[in-house]
C-alpha cells in the first residue's frame, strides 16, 4: 500500500468517525453498512434531502406558502416578518431565491389595509 493510499485511508477513517459521532441512533442505523465517508455522506444527503421528486414537492409547498402568506389579524409586524423570513429561508435552501425587492413587494402587498 502506498503512502498516498494509507493517508487516504486514514482520512476516510477520521471522516467516518466524525460522521458516526454526530448522528443520532436512527440515522446511524441507516448508514452503518456504508464502507466509506463518501458513501455515508451520499446516503445522508439522500435521507435528509430526499430524491428529486421529494425536492420538487418541498419546493412546491414552499412556493405556495410564499404566494399565500398574509398578515394575520392581531399579528405583530415582527411576527409576520419572521414568518416571511422562515419561508424565504426555506425557499433559499431549495434553490429558489427571491430578490430583496420581490420580498419587500410581497410583504407590502400582504399587509392589512389598516
PDB file of N, CA and C in Angstrom:
ATOM      1  N   UNK A   1       0.851  -1.173   0.000  1.00  0.00           N
ATOM      2  CA  UNK A   1       0.000   0.000   0.000  1.00  0.00           C
ATOM      3  C   UNK A   1       0.898   1.238   0.000  1.00  0.00           C
ATOM      4  N   UNK A   2       0.614   2.187  -0.886  1.00  0.00           N
ATOM      5  CA  UNK A   2       1.445   3.384  -0.992  1.00  0.00           C
ATOM      6  C   UNK A   2       1.131   4.358   0.145  1.00  0.00           C
ATOM      7  N   UNK A   3       2.011   5.318   0.311  1.00  0.00           N
ATOM      8  CA  UNK A   3       1.837   6.342   1.340  1.00  0.00           C
ATOM      9  C   UNK A   3       0.542   7.120   1.089  1.00  0.00           C
ATOM     10  N   UNK A   4       0.274   7.404  -0.175  1.00  0.00           N
ATOM     11  CA  UNK A   4      -0.943   8.133  -0.534  1.00  0.00           C
ATOM     12  C   UNK A   4      -2.196   7.334  -0.178  1.00  0.00           C
ATOM     13  N   UNK A   5      -2.182   6.042  -0.454  1.00  0.00           N
ATOM     14  CA  UNK A   5      -3.319   5.187  -0.126  1.00  0.00           C
ATOM     15  C   UNK A   5      -3.526   5.103   1.383  1.00  0.00           C
ATOM     16  N   UNK A   6      -2.433   5.017   2.129  1.00  0.00           N
ATOM     17  CA  UNK A   6      -2.525   4.969   3.595  1.00  0.00           C
ATOM     18  C   UNK A   6      -3.111   6.276   4.119  1.00  0.00           C
ATOM     19  N   UNK A   7      -2.637   7.375   3.568  1.00  0.00           N
ATOM     20  CA  UNK A   7      -3.125   8.690   4.007  1.00  0.00           C
ATOM     21  C   UNK A   7      -4.621   8.833   3.706  1.00  0.00           C
ATOM     22  N   UNK A   8      -5.044   8.419   2.505  1.00  0.00           N
ATOM     23  CA  UNK A   8      -6.457   8.483   2.138  1.00  0.00           C
ATOM     24  C   UNK A   8      -7.296   7.610   3.073  1.00  0.00           C
ATOM     25  N   UNK A   9      -6.786   6.434   3.376  1.00  0.00           N
ATOM     26  CA  UNK A   9      -7.499   5.526   4.267  1.00  0.00           C
ATOM     27  C   UNK A   9      -7.632   6.129   5.671  1.00  0.00           C
ATOM     28  N   UNK A  10      -6.560   6.753   6.152  1.00  0.00           N
ATOM     29  CA  UNK A  10      -6.608   7.384   7.471  1.00  0.00           C
ATOM     30  C   UNK A  10      -7.608   8.543   7.495  1.00  0.00           C
ATOM     31  N   UNK A  11      -7.601   9.358   6.450  1.00  0.00           N
ATOM     32  CA  UNK A  11      -8.541  10.478   6.372  1.00  0.00           C
ATOM     33  C   UNK A  11      -9.981   9.978   6.297  1.00  0.00           C
ATOM     34  N   UNK A  12     -10.193   8.898   5.570  1.00  0.00           N
ATOM     35  CA  UNK A  12     -11.530   8.319   5.468  1.00  0.00           C
ATOM     36  C   UNK A  12     -11.982   7.813   6.842  1.00  0.00           C
ATOM     37  N   UNK A  13     -11.078   7.195   7.579  1.00  0.00           N
ATOM     38  CA  UNK A  13     -11.406   6.712   8.924  1.00  0.00           C
ATOM     39  C   UNK A  13     -11.754   7.863   9.866  1.00  0.00           C
ATOM     40  N   UNK A  14     -11.011   8.955   9.774  1.00  0.00           N
ATOM     41  CA  UNK A  14     -11.287  10.130  10.602  1.00  0.00           C
ATOM     42  C   UNK A  14     -12.668  10.698  10.242  1.00  0.00           C
ATOM     43  N   UNK A  15     -12.936  10.823   8.945  1.00  0.00           N
ATOM     44  CA  UNK A  15     -14.230  11.338   8.495  1.00  0.00           C
ATOM     45  C   UNK A  15     -15.367  10.423   8.949  1.00  0.00           C
ATOM     46  N   UNK A  16     -15.182   9.118   8.813  1.00  0.00           N
ATOM     47  CA  UNK A  16     -16.190   8.161   9.294  1.00  0.00           C
ATOM     48  C   UNK A  16     -16.457   8.371  10.779  1.00  0.00           C
ATOM     49  N   UNK A  17     -15.402   8.489  11.543  1.00  0.00           N
ATOM     50  CA  UNK A  17     -15.530   8.667  12.992  1.00  0.00           C
ATOM     51  C   UNK A  17     -16.315   9.932  13.325  1.00  0.00           C
ATOM     52  N   UNK A  18     -16.008  11.021  12.650  1.00  0.00           N
ATOM     53  CA  UNK A  18     -16.719  12.286  12.885  1.00  0.00           C
ATOM     54  C   UNK A  18     -18.197  12.132  12.536  1.00  0.00           C
ATOM     55  N   UNK A  19     -18.467  11.530  11.394  1.00  0.00           N
ATOM     56  CA  UNK A  19     -19.859  11.352  10.976  1.00  0.00           C
ATOM     57  C   UNK A  19     -20.611  10.443  11.952  1.00  0.00           C
ATOM     58  N   UNK A  20     -19.997   9.356  12.363  1.00  0.00           N
ATOM     59  CA  UNK A  20     -20.646   8.439  13.295  1.00  0.00           C
ATOM     60  C   UNK A  20     -20.991   9.134  14.615  1.00  0.00           C
ATOM     61  N   UNK A  21     -20.081   9.953  15.108  1.00  0.00           N
ATOM     62  CA  UNK A  21     -20.284  10.605  16.405  1.00  0.00           C
ATOM     63  C   UNK A  21     -21.349  11.688  16.363  1.00  0.00           C
ATOM     64  N   UNK A  22     -21.660  12.214  15.191  1.00  0.00           N
ATOM     65  CA  UNK A  22     -22.621  13.309  15.106  1.00  0.00           C
ATOM     66  C   UNK A  22     -24.041  12.841  14.784  1.00  0.00           C
ATOM     67  N   UNK A  23     -24.208  11.581  14.475  1.00  0.00           N
ATOM     68  CA  UNK A  23     -25.520  11.084  14.065  1.00  0.00           C
ATOM     69  C   UNK A  23     -26.308  10.520  15.233  1.00  0.00           C
ATOM     70  N   UNK A  24     -27.622  10.728  15.174  1.00  0.00           N
ATOM     71  CA  UNK A  24     -28.471  10.087  16.169  1.00  0.00           C
ATOM     72  C   UNK A  24     -28.570   8.593  15.829  1.00  0.00           C
ATOM     73  N   UNK A  25     -29.115   7.827  16.750  1.00  0.00           N
ATOM     74  CA  UNK A  25     -29.171   6.365  16.597  1.00  0.00           C
ATOM     75  C   UNK A  25     -29.940   5.947  15.334  1.00  0.00           C
ATOM     76  N   UNK A  26     -31.027   6.649  15.035  1.00  0.00           N
ATOM     77  CA  UNK A  26     -31.847   6.316  13.869  1.00  0.00           C
ATOM     78  C   UNK A  26     -31.053   6.463  12.569  1.00  0.00           C
ATOM     79  N   UNK A  27     -30.384   7.616  12.398  1.00  0.00           N
ATOM     80  CA  UNK A  27     -29.608   7.829  11.168  1.00  0.00           C
ATOM     81  C   UNK A  27     -28.389   6.903  11.131  1.00  0.00           C
ATOM     82  N   UNK A  28     -27.760   6.699  12.283  1.00  0.00           N
ATOM     83  CA  UNK A  28     -26.603   5.806  12.330  1.00  0.00           C
ATOM     84  C   UNK A  28     -26.978   4.416  11.825  1.00  0.00           C
ATOM     85  N   UNK A  29     -28.135   3.922  12.259  1.00  0.00           N
ATOM     86  CA  UNK A  29     -28.568   2.594  11.824  1.00  0.00           C
ATOM     87  C   UNK A  29     -28.782   2.518  10.318  1.00  0.00           C
ATOM     88  N   UNK A  30     -29.101   3.652   9.694  1.00  0.00           N
ATOM     89  CA  UNK A  30     -29.337   3.671   8.248  1.00  0.00           C
ATOM     90  C   UNK A  30     -28.052   3.762   7.440  1.00  0.00           C
ATOM     91  N   UNK A  31     -26.950   4.192   8.067  1.00  0.00           N
ATOM     92  CA  UNK A  31     -25.703   4.349   7.308  1.00  0.00           C
ATOM     93  C   UNK A  31     -24.595   3.408   7.764  1.00  0.00           C
ATOM     94  N   UNK A  32     -24.831   2.629   8.807  1.00  0.00           N
ATOM     95  CA  UNK A  32     -23.742   1.833   9.381  1.00  0.00           C
ATOM     96  C   UNK A  32     -23.151   0.800   8.429  1.00  0.00           C
ATOM     97  N   UNK A  33     -23.864   0.465   7.371  1.00  0.00           N
ATOM     98  CA  UNK A  33     -23.340  -0.515   6.413  1.00  0.00           C
ATOM     99  C   UNK A  33     -22.491   0.132   5.319  1.00  0.00           C
ATOM    100  N   UNK A  34     -22.432   1.449   5.287  1.00  0.00           N
ATOM    101  CA  UNK A  34     -21.638   2.148   4.273  1.00  0.00           C
ATOM    102  C   UNK A  34     -20.154   1.901   4.508  1.00  0.00           C
ATOM    103  N   UNK A  35     -19.411   1.807   3.433  1.00  0.00           N
ATOM    104  CA  UNK A  35     -17.993   1.452   3.517  1.00  0.00           C
ATOM    105  C   UNK A  35     -17.060   2.664   3.634  1.00  0.00           C
ATOM    106  N   UNK A  36     -17.465   3.814   3.100  1.00  0.00           N
ATOM    107  CA  UNK A  36     -16.570   4.974   3.100  1.00  0.00           C
ATOM    108  C   UNK A  36     -17.322   6.220   3.550  1.00  0.00           C
ATOM    109  N   UNK A  37     -16.553   7.260   3.883  1.00  0.00           N
ATOM    110  CA  UNK A  37     -17.150   8.527   4.282  1.00  0.00           C
ATOM    111  C   UNK A  37     -17.973   9.109   3.132  1.00  0.00           C
ATOM    112  N   UNK A  38     -17.483   8.950   1.912  1.00  0.00           N
ATOM    113  CA  UNK A  38     -18.212   9.456   0.742  1.00  0.00           C
ATOM    114  C   UNK A  38     -19.555   8.754   0.616  1.00  0.00           C
ATOM    115  N   UNK A  39     -19.562   7.459   0.806  1.00  0.00           N
ATOM    116  CA  UNK A  39     -20.796   6.685   0.737  1.00  0.00           C
ATOM    117  C   UNK A  39     -21.761   7.104   1.856  1.00  0.00           C
ATOM    118  N   UNK A  40     -21.228   7.333   3.053  1.00  0.00           N
ATOM    119  CA  UNK A  40     -22.044   7.799   4.178  1.00  0.00           C
ATOM    120  C   UNK A  40     -22.650   9.149   3.836  1.00  0.00           C
ATOM    121  N   UNK A  41     -21.825  10.059   3.332  1.00  0.00           N
ATOM    122  CA  UNK A  41     -22.286  11.409   3.011  1.00  0.00           C
ATOM    123  C   UNK A  41     -23.408  11.373   1.968  1.00  0.00           C
ATOM    124  N   UNK A  42     -23.230  10.569   0.931  1.00  0.00           N
ATOM    125  CA  UNK A  42     -24.253  10.463  -0.113  1.00  0.00           C
ATOM    126  C   UNK A  42     -25.556   9.897   0.437  1.00  0.00           C
ATOM    127  N   UNK A  43     -25.452   8.924   1.323  1.00  0.00           N
ATOM    128  CA  UNK A  43     -26.640   8.338   1.952  1.00  0.00           C
ATOM    129  C   UNK A  43     -27.338   9.372   2.833  1.00  0.00           C
ATOM    130  N   UNK A  44     -26.573  10.165   3.574  1.00  0.00           N
ATOM    131  CA  UNK A  44     -27.152  11.206   4.419  1.00  0.00           C
ATOM    132  C   UNK A  44     -27.852  12.276   3.593  1.00  0.00           C
ATOM    133  N   UNK A  45     -27.275  12.634   2.469  1.00  0.00           N
ATOM    134  CA  UNK A  45     -27.917  13.608   1.583  1.00  0.00           C
ATOM    135  C   UNK A  45     -29.257  13.049   1.111  1.00  0.00           C
ATOM    136  N   UNK A  46     -29.254  11.800   0.719  1.00  0.00           N
ATOM    137  CA  UNK A  46     -30.487  11.165   0.259  1.00  0.00           C
ATOM    138  C   UNK A  46     -31.521  11.120   1.388  1.00  0.00           C
ATOM    139  N   UNK A  47     -31.086  10.784   2.591  1.00  0.00           N
ATOM    140  CA  UNK A  47     -32.001  10.695   3.729  1.00  0.00           C
ATOM    141  C   UNK A  47     -32.567  12.059   4.117  1.00  0.00           C
ATOM    142  N   UNK A  48     -31.733  13.078   4.097  1.00  0.00           N
ATOM    143  CA  UNK A  48     -32.142  14.401   4.573  1.00  0.00           C
ATOM    144  C   UNK A  48     -32.845  15.232   3.515  1.00  0.00           C
ATOM    145  N   UNK A  49     -32.384  15.155   2.297  1.00  0.00           N
ATOM    146  CA  UNK A  49     -32.965  15.983   1.241  1.00  0.00           C
ATOM    147  C   UNK A  49     -34.014  15.240   0.433  1.00  0.00           C
ATOM    148  N   UNK A  50     -33.912  13.942   0.378  1.00  0.00           N
ATOM    149  CA  UNK A  50     -34.846  13.165  -0.416  1.00  0.00           C
ATOM    150  C   UNK A  50     -34.419  13.092  -1.871  1.00  0.00           C
ATOM    151  N   UNK A  51     -35.216  12.406  -2.650  1.00  0.00           N
ATOM    152  CA  UNK A  51     -34.913  12.290  -4.074  1.00  0.00           C
ATOM    153  C   UNK A  51     -35.441  13.518  -4.812  1.00  0.00           C
ATOM    154  N   UNK A  52     -35.314  13.548  -6.112  1.00  0.00           N
ATOM    155  CA  UNK A  52     -35.730  14.711  -6.893  1.00  0.00           C
ATOM    156  C   UNK A  52     -37.222  14.999  -6.737  1.00  0.00           C
ATOM    157  N   UNK A  53     -38.030  13.955  -6.697  1.00  0.00           N
ATOM    158  CA  UNK A  53     -39.479  14.143  -6.541  1.00  0.00           C
ATOM    159  C   UNK A  53     -39.790  14.789  -5.188  1.00  0.00           C
ATOM    160  N   UNK A  54     -39.114  14.354  -4.144  1.00  0.00           N
ATOM    161  CA  UNK A  54     -39.309  14.936  -2.814  1.00  0.00           C
ATOM    162  C   UNK A  54     -38.905  16.402  -2.811  1.00  0.00           C
ATOM    163  N   UNK A  55     -37.768  16.707  -3.444  1.00  0.00           N
ATOM    164  CA  UNK A  55     -37.318  18.098  -3.520  1.00  0.00           C
ATOM    165  C   UNK A  55     -38.325  18.966  -4.258  1.00  0.00           C
ATOM    166  N   UNK A  56     -38.854  18.456  -5.366  1.00  0.00           N
ATOM    167  CA  UNK A  56     -39.856  19.202  -6.129  1.00  0.00           C
ATOM    168  C   UNK A  56     -41.108  19.449  -5.294  1.00  0.00           C
ATOM    169  N   UNK A  57     -41.527  18.429  -4.532  1.00  0.00           N
ATOM    170  CA  UNK A  57     -42.705  18.578  -3.671  1.00  0.00           C
ATOM    171  C   UNK A  57     -42.459  19.623  -2.584  1.00  0.00           C
ATOM    172  N   UNK A  58     -41.285  19.578  -1.965  1.00  0.00           N
ATOM    173  CA  UNK A  58     -40.948  20.555  -0.934  1.00  0.00           C
ATOM    174  C   UNK A  58     -40.939  21.967  -1.515  1.00  0.00           C
ATOM    175  N   UNK A  59     -40.401  22.098  -2.710  1.00  0.00           N
ATOM    176  CA  UNK A  59     -40.353  23.401  -3.368  1.00  0.00           C
ATOM    177  C   UNK A  59     -41.764  23.899  -3.678  1.00  0.00           C
ATOM    178  N   UNK A  60     -42.621  23.032  -4.190  1.00  0.00           N
ATOM    179  CA  UNK A  60     -43.998  23.422  -4.493  1.00  0.00           C
ATOM    180  C   UNK A  60     -44.729  23.907  -3.247  1.00  0.00           C
ATOM    181  N   UNK A  61     -44.554  23.198  -2.149  1.00  0.00           N
ATOM    182  CA  UNK A  61     -45.208  23.584  -0.894  1.00  0.00           C
ATOM    183  C   UNK A  61     -44.676  24.936  -0.421  1.00  0.00           C
ATOM    184  N   UNK A  62     -43.362  25.130  -0.480  1.00  0.00           N
ATOM    185  CA  UNK A  62     -42.768  26.397  -0.035  1.00  0.00           C
ATOM    186  C   UNK A  62     -43.219  27.562  -0.910  1.00  0.00           C
ATOM    187  N   UNK A  63     -43.296  27.342  -2.222  1.00  0.00           N
ATOM    188  CA  UNK A  63     -43.755  28.394  -3.136  1.00  0.00           C
ATOM    189  C   UNK A  63     -45.213  28.755  -2.818  1.00  0.00           C
ATOM    190  N   UNK A  64     -46.044  27.747  -2.563  1.00  0.00           N
ATOM    191  CA  UNK A  64     -47.441  28.010  -2.207  1.00  0.00           C
ATOM    192  C   UNK A  64     -47.532  28.803  -0.902  1.00  0.00           C
ATOM    193  N   UNK A  65     -46.701  28.442   0.079  1.00  0.00           N
ATOM    194  CA  UNK A  65     -46.685  29.188   1.346  1.00  0.00           C
ATOM    195  C   UNK A  65     -46.340  30.648   1.092  1.00  0.00           C
ATOM    196  N   UNK A  66     -45.328  30.874   0.266  1.00  0.00           N
ATOM    197  CA  UNK A  66     -44.898  32.242  -0.034  1.00  0.00           C
ATOM    198  C   UNK A  66     -45.995  33.004  -0.769  1.00  0.00           C
ATOM    199  N   UNK A  67     -46.609  32.361  -1.740  1.00  0.00           N
ATOM    200  CA  UNK A  67     -47.649  33.023  -2.533  1.00  0.00           C
ATOM    201  C   UNK A  67     -48.890  33.354  -1.703  1.00  0.00           C
ATOM    202  N   UNK A  68     -49.205  32.511  -0.733  1.00  0.00           N
ATOM    203  CA  UNK A  68     -50.452  32.669   0.021  1.00  0.00           C
ATOM    204  C   UNK A  68     -50.284  33.374   1.368  1.00  0.00           C
ATOM    205  N   UNK A  69     -49.075  33.721   1.737  1.00  0.00           N
ATOM    206  CA  UNK A  69     -48.884  34.299   3.066  1.00  0.00           C
ATOM    207  C   UNK A  69     -49.605  35.635   3.184  1.00  0.00           C
ATOM    208  N   UNK A  70     -50.275  35.818   4.284  1.00  0.00           N
ATOM    209  CA  UNK A  70     -50.982  37.059   4.604  1.00  0.00           C
ATOM    210  C   UNK A  70     -50.727  37.356   6.080  1.00  0.00           C
ATOM    211  N   UNK A  71     -50.707  38.616   6.400  1.00  0.00           N
ATOM    212  CA  UNK A  71     -50.563  39.005   7.798  1.00  0.00           C
ATOM    213  C   UNK A  71     -51.876  38.691   8.507  1.00  0.00           C
ATOM    214  N   UNK A  72     -51.792  38.011   9.640  1.00  0.00           N
ATOM    215  CA  UNK A  72     -52.977  37.618  10.395  1.00  0.00           C
ATOM    216  C   UNK A  72     -53.478  38.797  11.223  1.00  0.00           C
ATOM    217  N   UNK A  73     -54.766  38.787  11.481  1.00  0.00           N
ATOM    218  CA  UNK A  73     -55.350  39.831  12.327  1.00  0.00           C
ATOM    219  C   UNK A  73     -54.693  39.771  13.710  1.00  0.00           C
ATOM    220  N   UNK A  74     -54.240  40.915  14.189  1.00  0.00           N
ATOM    221  CA  UNK A  74     -53.619  40.986  15.505  1.00  0.00           C
ATOM    222  C   UNK A  74     -52.157  40.568  15.532  1.00  0.00           C
ATOM    223  N   UNK A  75     -51.617  40.139  14.401  1.00  0.00           N
ATOM    224  CA  UNK A  75     -50.219  39.709  14.334  1.00  0.00           C
ATOM    225  C   UNK A  75     -49.305  40.932  14.288  1.00  0.00           C
ATOM    226  N   UNK A  76     -48.230  40.880  15.040  1.00  0.00           N
ATOM    227  CA  UNK A  76     -47.280  41.997  15.016  1.00  0.00           C
ATOM    228  C   UNK A  76     -46.463  41.944  13.730  1.00  0.00           C
ATOM    229  N   UNK A  77     -45.933  43.093  13.372  1.00  0.00           N
ATOM    230  CA  UNK A  77     -45.080  43.166  12.178  1.00  0.00           C
ATOM    231  C   UNK A  77     -43.869  42.256  12.352  1.00  0.00           C
ATOM    232  N   UNK A  78     -43.330  42.197  13.557  1.00  0.00           N
ATOM    233  CA  UNK A  78     -42.168  41.344  13.844  1.00  0.00           C
ATOM    234  C   UNK A  78     -42.498  39.872  13.592  1.00  0.00           C
ATOM    235  N   UNK A  79     -43.669  39.429  14.071  1.00  0.00           N
ATOM    236  CA  UNK A  79     -44.058  38.031  13.881  1.00  0.00           C
ATOM    237  C   UNK A  79     -44.303  37.720  12.401  1.00  0.00           C
ATOM    238  N   UNK A  80     -44.955  38.657  11.708  1.00  0.00           N
ATOM    239  CA  UNK A  80     -45.191  38.467  10.272  1.00  0.00           C
ATOM    240  C   UNK A  80     -43.866  38.405   9.518  1.00  0.00           C
ATOM    241  N   UNK A  81     -42.958  39.314   9.845  1.00  0.00           N
ATOM    242  CA  UNK A  81     -41.639  39.329   9.205  1.00  0.00           C
ATOM    243  C   UNK A  81     -40.901  38.019   9.464  1.00  0.00           C
ATOM    244  N   UNK A  82     -41.032  37.486  10.666  1.00  0.00           N
ATOM    245  CA  UNK A  82     -40.380  36.208  10.990  1.00  0.00           C
ATOM    246  C   UNK A  82     -40.961  35.065  10.161  1.00  0.00           C
ATOM    247  N   UNK A  83     -42.279  35.062  10.000  1.00  0.00           N
ATOM    248  CA  UNK A  83     -42.900  34.016   9.171  1.00  0.00           C
ATOM    249  C   UNK A  83     -42.440  34.133   7.721  1.00  0.00           C
ATOM    250  N   UNK A  84     -42.400  35.352   7.204  1.00  0.00           N
ATOM    251  CA  UNK A  84     -41.931  35.557   5.827  1.00  0.00           C
ATOM    252  C   UNK A  84     -40.477  35.112   5.704  1.00  0.00           C
ATOM    253  N   UNK A  85     -39.642  35.496   6.660  1.00  0.00           N
ATOM    254  CA  UNK A  85     -38.217  35.127   6.627  1.00  0.00           C
ATOM    255  C   UNK A  85     -38.030  33.616   6.653  1.00  0.00           C
ATOM    256  N   UNK A  86     -38.816  32.928   7.457  1.00  0.00           N
ATOM    257  CA  UNK A  86     -38.714  31.462   7.521  1.00  0.00           C
ATOM    258  C   UNK A  86     -39.039  30.829   6.174  1.00  0.00           C
ATOM    259  N   UNK A  87     -40.068  31.342   5.509  1.00  0.00           N
ATOM    260  CA  UNK A  87     -40.439  30.798   4.196  1.00  0.00           C
ATOM    261  C   UNK A  87     -39.360  31.131   3.163  1.00  0.00           C
ATOM    262  N   UNK A  88     -38.850  32.361   3.196  1.00  0.00           N
ATOM    263  CA  UNK A  88     -37.788  32.759   2.254  1.00  0.00           C
ATOM    264  C   UNK A  88     -36.554  31.892   2.469  1.00  0.00           C
ATOM    265  N   UNK A  89     -36.196  31.620   3.724  1.00  0.00           N
ATOM    266  CA  UNK A  89     -35.047  30.750   4.007  1.00  0.00           C
ATOM    267  C   UNK A  89     -35.289  29.337   3.489  1.00  0.00           C
ATOM    268  N   UNK A  90     -36.492  28.846   3.673  1.00  0.00           N
ATOM    269  CA  UNK A  90     -36.857  27.522   3.155  1.00  0.00           C
ATOM    270  C   UNK A  90     -36.705  27.489   1.637  1.00  0.00           C
ATOM    271  N   UNK A  91     -37.161  28.544   0.969  1.00  0.00           N
ATOM    272  CA  UNK A  91     -37.022  28.623  -0.491  1.00  0.00           C
ATOM    273  C   UNK A  91     -35.556  28.709  -0.904  1.00  0.00           C
ATOM    274  N   UNK A  92     -34.759  29.472  -0.167  1.00  0.00           N
ATOM    275  CA  UNK A  92     -33.327  29.581  -0.480  1.00  0.00           C
ATOM    276  C   UNK A  92     -32.638  28.230  -0.397  1.00  0.00           C
ATOM    277  N   UNK A  93     -32.967  27.447   0.623  1.00  0.00           N
ATOM    278  CA  UNK A  93     -32.387  26.109   0.770  1.00  0.00           C
ATOM    279  C   UNK A  93     -32.751  25.239  -0.433  1.00  0.00           C
ATOM    280  N   UNK A  94     -33.945  25.460  -0.961  1.00  0.00           N
ATOM    281  CA  UNK A  94     -34.416  24.683  -2.114  1.00  0.00           C
ATOM    282  C   UNK A  94     -34.016  25.321  -3.436  1.00  0.00           C
ATOM    283  N   UNK A  95     -33.105  26.304  -3.362  1.00  0.00           N
ATOM    284  CA  UNK A  95     -32.525  26.961  -4.530  1.00  0.00           C
ATOM    285  C   UNK A  95     -33.513  27.844  -5.304  1.00  0.00           C
ATOM    286  N   UNK A  96     -34.513  28.348  -4.627  1.00  0.00           N
ATOM    287  CA  UNK A  96     -35.446  29.322  -5.228  1.00  0.00           C
ATOM    288  C   UNK A  96     -35.224  30.640  -4.491  1.00  0.00           C
ATOM    289  N   UNK A  97     -34.428  31.498  -5.084  1.00  0.00           N
ATOM    290  CA  UNK A  97     -34.018  32.739  -4.437  1.00  0.00           C
ATOM    291  C   UNK A  97     -34.859  33.900  -4.954  1.00  0.00           C
ATOM    292  N   UNK A  98     -35.353  34.707  -4.028  1.00  0.00           N
ATOM    293  CA  UNK A  98     -36.095  35.920  -4.366  1.00  0.00           C
ATOM    294  C   UNK A  98     -35.231  37.124  -4.021  1.00  0.00           C
ATOM    295  N   UNK A  99     -35.316  38.157  -4.828  1.00  0.00           N
ATOM    296  CA  UNK A  99     -34.566  39.380  -4.541  1.00  0.00           C
ATOM    297  C   UNK A  99     -35.222  40.106  -3.364  1.00  0.00           C
ATOM    298  N   UNK A 100     -34.451  40.973  -2.734  1.00  0.00           N
ATOM    299  CA  UNK A 100     -34.999  41.771  -1.632  1.00  0.00           C
ATOM    300  C   UNK A 100     -36.186  42.601  -2.108  1.00  0.00           C
ATOM    301  N   UNK A 101     -36.127  43.081  -3.326  1.00  0.00           N
ATOM    302  CA  UNK A 101     -37.211  43.874  -3.901  1.00  0.00           C
ATOM    303  C   UNK A 101     -38.489  43.037  -4.002  1.00  0.00           C
ATOM    304  N   UNK A 102     -38.366  41.801  -4.479  1.00  0.00           N
ATOM    305  CA  UNK A 102     -39.526  40.914  -4.593  1.00  0.00           C
ATOM    306  C   UNK A 102     -40.137  40.626  -3.225  1.00  0.00           C
ATOM    307  N   UNK A 103     -39.276  40.390  -2.247  1.00  0.00           N
ATOM    308  CA  UNK A 103     -39.747  40.071  -0.897  1.00  0.00           C
ATOM    309  C   UNK A 103     -40.443  41.293  -0.290  1.00  0.00           C
ATOM    310  N   UNK A 104     -39.827  42.462  -0.437  1.00  0.00           N
ATOM    311  CA  UNK A 104     -40.421  43.687   0.112  1.00  0.00           C
ATOM    312  C   UNK A 104     -41.777  43.958  -0.530  1.00  0.00           C
ATOM    313  N   UNK A 105     -41.874  43.774  -1.834  1.00  0.00           N
ATOM    314  CA  UNK A 105     -43.134  43.983  -2.535  1.00  0.00           C
ATOM    315  C   UNK A 105     -44.187  43.002  -2.036  1.00  0.00           C
ATOM    316  N   UNK A 106     -43.808  41.769  -1.873  1.00  0.00           N
ATOM    317  CA  UNK A 106     -44.730  40.739  -1.378  1.00  0.00           C
ATOM    318  C   UNK A 106     -45.250  41.127   0.003  1.00  0.00           C
ATOM    319  N   UNK A 107     -44.355  41.536   0.890  1.00  0.00           N
ATOM    320  CA  UNK A 107     -44.744  41.919   2.244  1.00  0.00           C
ATOM    321  C   UNK A 107     -45.690  43.121   2.199  1.00  0.00           C
ATOM    322  N   UNK A 108     -45.344  44.115   1.419  1.00  0.00           N
ATOM    323  CA  UNK A 108     -46.175  45.329   1.357  1.00  0.00           C
ATOM    324  C   UNK A 108     -47.582  45.018   0.839  1.00  0.00           C
ATOM    325  N   UNK A 109     -47.659  44.145  -0.167  1.00  0.00           N
ATOM    326  CA  UNK A 109     -48.961  43.810  -0.738  1.00  0.00           C
ATOM    327  C   UNK A 109     -49.810  42.968   0.221  1.00  0.00           C
ATOM    328  N   UNK A 110     -49.162  42.264   1.135  1.00  0.00           N
ATOM    329  CA  UNK A 110     -49.889  41.359   2.020  1.00  0.00           C
ATOM    330  C   UNK A 110     -50.147  41.935   3.411  1.00  0.00           C
ATOM    331  N   UNK A 111     -49.812  43.187   3.594  1.00  0.00           N
ATOM    332  CA  UNK A 111     -50.150  43.859   4.849  1.00  0.00           C
ATOM    333  C   UNK A 111     -51.631  44.217   4.813  1.00  0.00           C
ATOM    334  N   UNK A 112     -52.271  44.208   5.981  1.00  0.00           N
ATOM    335  CA  UNK A 112     -53.673  44.610   6.002  1.00  0.00           C
ATOM    336  C   UNK A 112     -53.833  46.089   5.625  1.00  0.00           C
ATOM    337  N   UNK A 113     -54.979  46.453   5.140  1.00  0.00           N
ATOM    338  CA  UNK A 113     -55.237  47.817   4.699  1.00  0.00           C
ATOM    339  C   UNK A 113     -55.005  48.837   5.820  1.00  0.00           C
ATOM    340  N   UNK A 114     -55.363  48.472   7.056  1.00  0.00           N
ATOM    341  CA  UNK A 114     -55.168  49.389   8.173  1.00  0.00           C
ATOM    342  C   UNK A 114     -53.712  49.742   8.285  1.00  0.00           C
TER     343      UNK A 114
END
